[in-house]
């Protein structure tokens, strides 16, 4: 996602406790990433990590709704 070479350690937990959602795409040719994930993360963590990102419009609507609710 960053466009340059990175270590696998970086991809395992980029700024959070879950691996990057693109980890399978980037590392599948190097080793069995899916097996690694299964050994180090729960099924729920893997599902969360690999889930597609929420689109920006949905995020914006959610933020507006939260702001409205906090002012009332």
PDB file of N, CA and C in Angstrom:
ATOM      1  N   UNK A   1       0.821  -1.195   0.000  1.00  0.00           N
ATOM      2  CA  UNK A   1       0.000   0.000   0.000  1.00  0.00           C
ATOM      3  C   UNK A   1       0.865   1.260   0.000  1.00  0.00           C
ATOM      4  N   UNK A   2       2.089   1.150   0.491  1.00  0.00           N
ATOM      5  CA  UNK A   2       2.952   2.322   0.559  1.00  0.00           C
ATOM      6  C   UNK A   2       3.789   2.515  -0.701  1.00  0.00           C
ATOM      7  N   UNK A   3       3.917   1.472  -1.519  1.00  0.00           N
ATOM      8  CA  UNK A   3       4.618   1.620  -2.782  1.00  0.00           C
ATOM      9  C   UNK A   3       6.112   1.380  -2.748  1.00  0.00           C
ATOM     10  N   UNK A   4       6.639   0.870  -1.655  1.00  0.00           N
ATOM     11  CA  UNK A   4       8.063   0.544  -1.605  1.00  0.00           C
ATOM     12  C   UNK A   4       8.262  -0.689  -0.718  1.00  0.00           C
ATOM     13  N   UNK A   5       9.470  -1.222  -0.724  1.00  0.00           N
ATOM     14  CA  UNK A   5       9.751  -2.447   0.027  1.00  0.00           C
ATOM     15  C   UNK A   5       9.662  -2.219   1.529  1.00  0.00           C
ATOM     16  N   UNK A   6       9.028  -3.169   2.199  1.00  0.00           N
ATOM     17  CA  UNK A   6       8.883  -3.128   3.648  1.00  0.00           C
ATOM     18  C   UNK A   6       9.195  -4.506   4.210  1.00  0.00           C
ATOM     19  N   UNK A   7       9.459  -4.558   5.482  1.00  0.00           N
ATOM     20  CA  UNK A   7       9.680  -5.853   6.124  1.00  0.00           C
ATOM     21  C   UNK A   7       8.330  -6.473   6.483  1.00  0.00           C
ATOM     22  N   UNK A   8       8.325  -7.792   6.636  1.00  0.00           N
ATOM     23  CA  UNK A   8       7.090  -8.466   7.029  1.00  0.00           C
ATOM     24  C   UNK A   8       6.642  -7.992   8.410  1.00  0.00           C
ATOM     25  N   UNK A   9       7.576  -7.688   9.281  1.00  0.00           N
ATOM     26  CA  UNK A   9       7.228  -7.195  10.622  1.00  0.00           C
ATOM     27  C   UNK A   9       6.380  -5.931  10.540  1.00  0.00           C
ATOM     28  N   UNK A  10       6.684  -5.062   9.612  1.00  0.00           N
ATOM     29  CA  UNK A  10       5.891  -3.838   9.450  1.00  0.00           C
ATOM     30  C   UNK A  10       4.467  -4.185   9.037  1.00  0.00           C
ATOM     31  N   UNK A  11       4.327  -5.127   8.126  1.00  0.00           N
ATOM     32  CA  UNK A  11       3.015  -5.499   7.604  1.00  0.00           C
ATOM     33  C   UNK A  11       2.169  -6.255   8.627  1.00  0.00           C
ATOM     34  N   UNK A  12       2.825  -6.876   9.591  1.00  0.00           N
ATOM     35  CA  UNK A  12       2.097  -7.616  10.628  1.00  0.00           C
ATOM     36  C   UNK A  12       1.277  -6.704  11.510  1.00  0.00           C
ATOM     37  N   UNK A  13       1.735  -5.511  11.788  1.00  0.00           N
ATOM     38  CA  UNK A  13       1.012  -4.620  12.704  1.00  0.00           C
ATOM     39  C   UNK A  13       1.298  -3.153  12.394  1.00  0.00           C
ATOM     40  N   UNK A  14       0.803  -2.651  11.270  1.00  0.00           N
ATOM     41  CA  UNK A  14       1.041  -1.244  10.938  1.00  0.00           C
ATOM     42  C   UNK A  14       0.172  -0.287  11.768  1.00  0.00           C
ATOM     43  N   UNK A  15       0.715   0.219  12.823  1.00  0.00           N
ATOM     44  CA  UNK A  15       0.069   1.219  13.688  1.00  0.00           C
ATOM     45  C   UNK A  15      -1.143   0.684  14.443  1.00  0.00           C
ATOM     46  N   UNK A  16      -1.291  -0.628  14.528  1.00  0.00           N
ATOM     47  CA  UNK A  16      -2.366  -1.218  15.313  1.00  0.00           C
ATOM     48  C   UNK A  16      -2.026  -2.673  15.604  1.00  0.00           C
ATOM     49  N   UNK A  17      -2.924  -3.374  16.239  1.00  0.00           N
ATOM     50  CA  UNK A  17      -2.659  -4.748  16.652  1.00  0.00           C
ATOM     51  C   UNK A  17      -2.956  -5.786  15.575  1.00  0.00           C
ATOM     52  N   UNK A  18      -3.544  -5.366  14.473  1.00  0.00           N
ATOM     53  CA  UNK A  18      -3.897  -6.291  13.400  1.00  0.00           C
ATOM     54  C   UNK A  18      -2.988  -6.097  12.197  1.00  0.00           C
ATOM     55  N   UNK A  19      -2.809  -7.139  11.404  1.00  0.00           N
ATOM     56  CA  UNK A  19      -1.977  -7.000  10.205  1.00  0.00           C
ATOM     57  C   UNK A  19      -2.666  -6.149   9.140  1.00  0.00           C
ATOM     58  N   UNK A  20      -1.886  -5.685   8.200  1.00  0.00           N
ATOM     59  CA  UNK A  20      -2.395  -4.909   7.075  1.00  0.00           C
ATOM     60  C   UNK A  20      -3.373  -5.763   6.271  1.00  0.00           C
ATOM     61  N   UNK A  21      -4.428  -5.161   5.759  1.00  0.00           N
ATOM     62  CA  UNK A  21      -5.423  -5.921   5.007  1.00  0.00           C
ATOM     63  C   UNK A  21      -4.881  -6.445   3.686  1.00  0.00           C
ATOM     64  N   UNK A  22      -3.749  -5.953   3.215  1.00  0.00           N
ATOM     65  CA  UNK A  22      -3.145  -6.398   1.963  1.00  0.00           C
ATOM     66  C   UNK A  22      -2.043  -7.434   2.182  1.00  0.00           C
ATOM     67  N   UNK A  23      -1.891  -7.933   3.405  1.00  0.00           N
ATOM     68  CA  UNK A  23      -0.776  -8.819   3.740  1.00  0.00           C
ATOM     69  C   UNK A  23      -0.752 -10.081   2.876  1.00  0.00           C
ATOM     70  N   UNK A  24      -1.907 -10.635   2.563  1.00  0.00           N
ATOM     71  CA  UNK A  24      -1.947 -11.831   1.716  1.00  0.00           C
ATOM     72  C   UNK A  24      -1.500 -11.507   0.292  1.00  0.00           C
ATOM     73  N   UNK A  25      -1.914 -10.367  -0.220  1.00  0.00           N
ATOM     74  CA  UNK A  25      -1.546  -9.964  -1.582  1.00  0.00           C
ATOM     75  C   UNK A  25      -0.042  -9.744  -1.728  1.00  0.00           C
ATOM     76  N   UNK A  26       0.566  -9.195  -0.731  1.00  0.00           N
ATOM     77  CA  UNK A  26       1.981  -8.828  -0.824  1.00  0.00           C
ATOM     78  C   UNK A  26       2.941  -9.983  -0.541  1.00  0.00           C
ATOM     79  N   UNK A  27       2.558 -10.904   0.312  1.00  0.00           N
ATOM     80  CA  UNK A  27       3.505 -11.912   0.793  1.00  0.00           C
ATOM     81  C   UNK A  27       3.206 -13.336   0.343  1.00  0.00           C
ATOM     82  N   UNK A  28       2.140 -13.577  -0.418  1.00  0.00           N
ATOM     83  CA  UNK A  28       1.757 -14.950  -0.760  1.00  0.00           C
ATOM     84  C   UNK A  28       2.826 -15.698  -1.547  1.00  0.00           C
ATOM     85  N   UNK A  29       3.648 -15.013  -2.310  1.00  0.00           N
ATOM     86  CA  UNK A  29       4.691 -15.673  -3.091  1.00  0.00           C
ATOM     87  C   UNK A  29       5.913 -16.047  -2.250  1.00  0.00           C
ATOM     88  N   UNK A  30       6.042 -15.445  -1.085  1.00  0.00           N
ATOM     89  CA  UNK A  30       7.210 -15.657  -0.245  1.00  0.00           C
ATOM     90  C   UNK A  30       7.056 -16.858   0.684  1.00  0.00           C
ATOM     91  N   UNK A  31       5.883 -16.986   1.318  1.00  0.00           N
ATOM     92  CA  UNK A  31       5.616 -18.104   2.229  1.00  0.00           C
ATOM     93  C   UNK A  31       4.116 -18.195   2.476  1.00  0.00           C
ATOM     94  N   UNK A  32       3.702 -19.190   3.234  1.00  0.00           N
ATOM     95  CA  UNK A  32       2.282 -19.419   3.514  1.00  0.00           C
ATOM     96  C   UNK A  32       1.792 -18.424   4.568  1.00  0.00           C
ATOM     97  N   UNK A  33       1.391 -17.266   4.113  1.00  0.00           N
ATOM     98  CA  UNK A  33       0.973 -16.187   5.013  1.00  0.00           C
ATOM     99  C   UNK A  33      -0.304 -16.571   5.757  1.00  0.00           C
ATOM    100  N   UNK A  34      -1.219 -17.243   5.070  1.00  0.00           N
ATOM    101  CA  UNK A  34      -2.474 -17.632   5.705  1.00  0.00           C
ATOM    102  C   UNK A  34      -2.209 -18.548   6.913  1.00  0.00           C
ATOM    103  N   UNK A  35      -1.284 -19.480   6.777  1.00  0.00           N
ATOM    104  CA  UNK A  35      -0.929 -20.359   7.900  1.00  0.00           C
ATOM    105  C   UNK A  35      -0.313 -19.546   9.030  1.00  0.00           C
ATOM    106  N   UNK A  36       0.549 -18.606   8.697  1.00  0.00           N
ATOM    107  CA  UNK A  36       1.152 -17.745   9.714  1.00  0.00           C
ATOM    108  C   UNK A  36       0.076 -16.981  10.477  1.00  0.00           C
ATOM    109  N   UNK A  37      -0.866 -16.388   9.745  1.00  0.00           N
ATOM    110  CA  UNK A  37      -1.934 -15.629  10.389  1.00  0.00           C
ATOM    111  C   UNK A  37      -2.742 -16.534  11.318  1.00  0.00           C
ATOM    112  N   UNK A  38      -3.037 -17.761  10.863  1.00  0.00           N
ATOM    113  CA  UNK A  38      -3.791 -18.698  11.679  1.00  0.00           C
ATOM    114  C   UNK A  38      -3.086 -19.076  12.969  1.00  0.00           C
ATOM    115  N   UNK A  39      -1.757 -19.066  12.955  1.00  0.00           N
ATOM    116  CA  UNK A  39      -0.985 -19.402  14.150  1.00  0.00           C
ATOM    117  C   UNK A  39      -0.851 -18.235  15.124  1.00  0.00           C
ATOM    118  N   UNK A  40      -0.975 -17.007  14.624  1.00  0.00           N
ATOM    119  CA  UNK A  40      -0.708 -15.836  15.466  1.00  0.00           C
ATOM    120  C   UNK A  40      -1.914 -14.945  15.749  1.00  0.00           C
ATOM    121  N   UNK A  41      -3.017 -15.182  15.055  1.00  0.00           N
ATOM    122  CA  UNK A  41      -4.197 -14.346  15.243  1.00  0.00           C
ATOM    123  C   UNK A  41      -5.431 -15.233  15.329  1.00  0.00           C
ATOM    124  N   UNK A  42      -6.463 -14.750  16.020  1.00  0.00           N
ATOM    125  CA  UNK A  42      -7.724 -15.488  16.078  1.00  0.00           C
ATOM    126  C   UNK A  42      -8.452 -15.338  14.750  1.00  0.00           C
ATOM    127  N   UNK A  43      -9.442 -16.196  14.525  1.00  0.00           N
ATOM    128  CA  UNK A  43     -10.244 -16.102  13.301  1.00  0.00           C
ATOM    129  C   UNK A  43     -10.918 -14.735  13.191  1.00  0.00           C
ATOM    130  N   UNK A  44     -11.398 -14.214  14.313  1.00  0.00           N
ATOM    131  CA  UNK A  44     -12.055 -12.899  14.316  1.00  0.00           C
ATOM    132  C   UNK A  44     -11.064 -11.787  13.959  1.00  0.00           C
ATOM    133  N   UNK A  45      -9.865 -11.848  14.496  1.00  0.00           N
ATOM    134  CA  UNK A  45      -8.849 -10.840  14.173  1.00  0.00           C
ATOM    135  C   UNK A  45      -8.499 -10.887  12.686  1.00  0.00           C
ATOM    136  N   UNK A  46      -8.374 -12.078  12.143  1.00  0.00           N
ATOM    137  CA  UNK A  46      -8.058 -12.214  10.716  1.00  0.00           C
ATOM    138  C   UNK A  46      -9.192 -11.647   9.882  1.00  0.00           C
ATOM    139  N   UNK A  47     -10.435 -11.958  10.261  1.00  0.00           N
ATOM    140  CA  UNK A  47     -11.589 -11.429   9.528  1.00  0.00           C
ATOM    141  C   UNK A  47     -11.604  -9.904   9.555  1.00  0.00           C
ATOM    142  N   UNK A  48     -11.352  -9.333  10.710  1.00  0.00           N
ATOM    143  CA  UNK A  48     -11.323  -7.875  10.845  1.00  0.00           C
ATOM    144  C   UNK A  48     -10.204  -7.267  10.012  1.00  0.00           C
ATOM    145  N   UNK A  49      -9.039  -7.887  10.062  1.00  0.00           N
ATOM    146  CA  UNK A  49      -7.882  -7.341   9.355  1.00  0.00           C
ATOM    147  C   UNK A  49      -8.062  -7.382   7.843  1.00  0.00           C
ATOM    148  N   UNK A  50      -8.657  -8.440   7.331  1.00  0.00           N
ATOM    149  CA  UNK A  50      -8.773  -8.610   5.886  1.00  0.00           C
ATOM    150  C   UNK A  50     -10.048  -8.015   5.299  1.00  0.00           C
ATOM    151  N   UNK A  51     -10.916  -7.493   6.150  1.00  0.00           N
ATOM    152  CA  UNK A  51     -12.160  -6.890   5.676  1.00  0.00           C
ATOM    153  C   UNK A  51     -11.855  -5.641   4.845  1.00  0.00           C
ATOM    154  N   UNK A  52     -12.632  -5.425   3.798  1.00  0.00           N
ATOM    155  CA  UNK A  52     -12.420  -4.212   3.000  1.00  0.00           C
ATOM    156  C   UNK A  52     -12.709  -2.968   3.835  1.00  0.00           C
ATOM    157  N   UNK A  53     -12.042  -1.884   3.532  1.00  0.00           N
ATOM    158  CA  UNK A  53     -12.271  -0.664   4.306  1.00  0.00           C
ATOM    159  C   UNK A  53     -13.676  -0.117   4.053  1.00  0.00           C
ATOM    160  N   UNK A  54     -14.195   0.589   5.042  1.00  0.00           N
ATOM    161  CA  UNK A  54     -15.491   1.246   4.898  1.00  0.00           C
ATOM    162  C   UNK A  54     -15.308   2.409   3.929  1.00  0.00           C
ATOM    163  N   UNK A  55     -16.261   2.558   3.002  1.00  0.00           N
ATOM    164  CA  UNK A  55     -16.106   3.644   2.030  1.00  0.00           C
ATOM    165  C   UNK A  55     -16.235   5.004   2.714  1.00  0.00           C
ATOM    166  N   UNK A  56     -15.685   6.003   2.104  1.00  0.00           N
ATOM    167  CA  UNK A  56     -15.598   7.338   2.723  1.00  0.00           C
ATOM    168  C   UNK A  56     -16.962   7.967   2.969  1.00  0.00           C
ATOM    169  N   UNK A  57     -17.915   7.741   2.081  1.00  0.00           N
ATOM    170  CA  UNK A  57     -19.242   8.322   2.261  1.00  0.00           C
ATOM    171  C   UNK A  57     -19.912   7.749   3.508  1.00  0.00           C
ATOM    172  N   UNK A  58     -19.799   6.449   3.718  1.00  0.00           N
ATOM    173  CA  UNK A  58     -20.370   5.819   4.912  1.00  0.00           C
ATOM    174  C   UNK A  58     -19.721   6.372   6.169  1.00  0.00           C
ATOM    175  N   UNK A  59     -18.409   6.524   6.147  1.00  0.00           N
ATOM    176  CA  UNK A  59     -17.690   7.081   7.287  1.00  0.00           C
ATOM    177  C   UNK A  59     -18.138   8.513   7.568  1.00  0.00           C
ATOM    178  N   UNK A  60     -18.283   9.307   6.534  1.00  0.00           N
ATOM    179  CA  UNK A  60     -18.704  10.698   6.693  1.00  0.00           C
ATOM    180  C   UNK A  60     -20.109  10.778   7.280  1.00  0.00           C
ATOM    181  N   UNK A  61     -21.022   9.981   6.779  1.00  0.00           N
ATOM    182  CA  UNK A  61     -22.391   9.973   7.304  1.00  0.00           C
ATOM    183  C   UNK A  61     -22.395   9.561   8.766  1.00  0.00           C
ATOM    184  N   UNK A  62     -21.597   8.559   9.114  1.00  0.00           N
ATOM    185  CA  UNK A  62     -21.509   8.107  10.496  1.00  0.00           C
ATOM    186  C   UNK A  62     -20.970   9.212  11.408  1.00  0.00           C
ATOM    187  N   UNK A  63     -19.951   9.914  10.963  1.00  0.00           N
ATOM    188  CA  UNK A  63     -19.391  11.015  11.756  1.00  0.00           C
ATOM    189  C   UNK A  63     -20.405  12.140  11.952  1.00  0.00           C
ATOM    190  N   UNK A  64     -21.155  12.475  10.913  1.00  0.00           N
ATOM    191  CA  UNK A  64     -22.180  13.519  11.022  1.00  0.00           C
ATOM    192  C   UNK A  64     -23.252  13.101  12.009  1.00  0.00           C
ATOM    193  N   UNK A  65     -23.689  11.849  11.924  1.00  0.00           N
ATOM    194  CA  UNK A  65     -24.711  11.351  12.828  1.00  0.00           C
ATOM    195  C   UNK A  65     -24.231  11.383  14.287  1.00  0.00           C
ATOM    196  N   UNK A  66     -22.992  10.986  14.519  1.00  0.00           N
ATOM    197  CA  UNK A  66     -22.441  11.014  15.887  1.00  0.00           C
ATOM    198  C   UNK A  66     -22.371  12.451  16.409  1.00  0.00           C
ATOM    199  N   UNK A  67     -21.975  13.382  15.539  1.00  0.00           N
ATOM    200  CA  UNK A  67     -21.887  14.785  15.959  1.00  0.00           C
ATOM    201  C   UNK A  67     -23.273  15.317  16.324  1.00  0.00           C
ATOM    202  N   UNK A  68     -24.261  14.980  15.539  1.00  0.00           N
ATOM    203  CA  UNK A  68     -25.626  15.425  15.844  1.00  0.00           C
ATOM    204  C   UNK A  68     -26.108  14.858  17.165  1.00  0.00           C
ATOM    205  N   UNK A  69     -25.819  13.579  17.409  1.00  0.00           N
ATOM    206  CA  UNK A  69     -26.262  12.934  18.643  1.00  0.00           C
ATOM    207  C   UNK A  69     -25.544  13.508  19.873  1.00  0.00           C
ATOM    208  N   UNK A  70     -24.311  13.926  19.719  1.00  0.00           N
ATOM    209  CA  UNK A  70     -23.570  14.455  20.864  1.00  0.00           C
ATOM    210  C   UNK A  70     -23.987  15.876  21.222  1.00  0.00           C
ATOM    211  N   UNK A  71     -24.627  16.584  20.301  1.00  0.00           N
ATOM    212  CA  UNK A  71     -25.064  17.951  20.587  1.00  0.00           C
ATOM    213  C   UNK A  71     -26.488  18.014  21.126  1.00  0.00           C
ATOM    214  N   UNK A  72     -27.191  16.891  21.095  1.00  0.00           N
ATOM    215  CA  UNK A  72     -28.570  16.888  21.585  1.00  0.00           C
ATOM    216  C   UNK A  72     -28.669  16.302  22.956  1.00  0.00           C
TER     217      UNK A  72
END
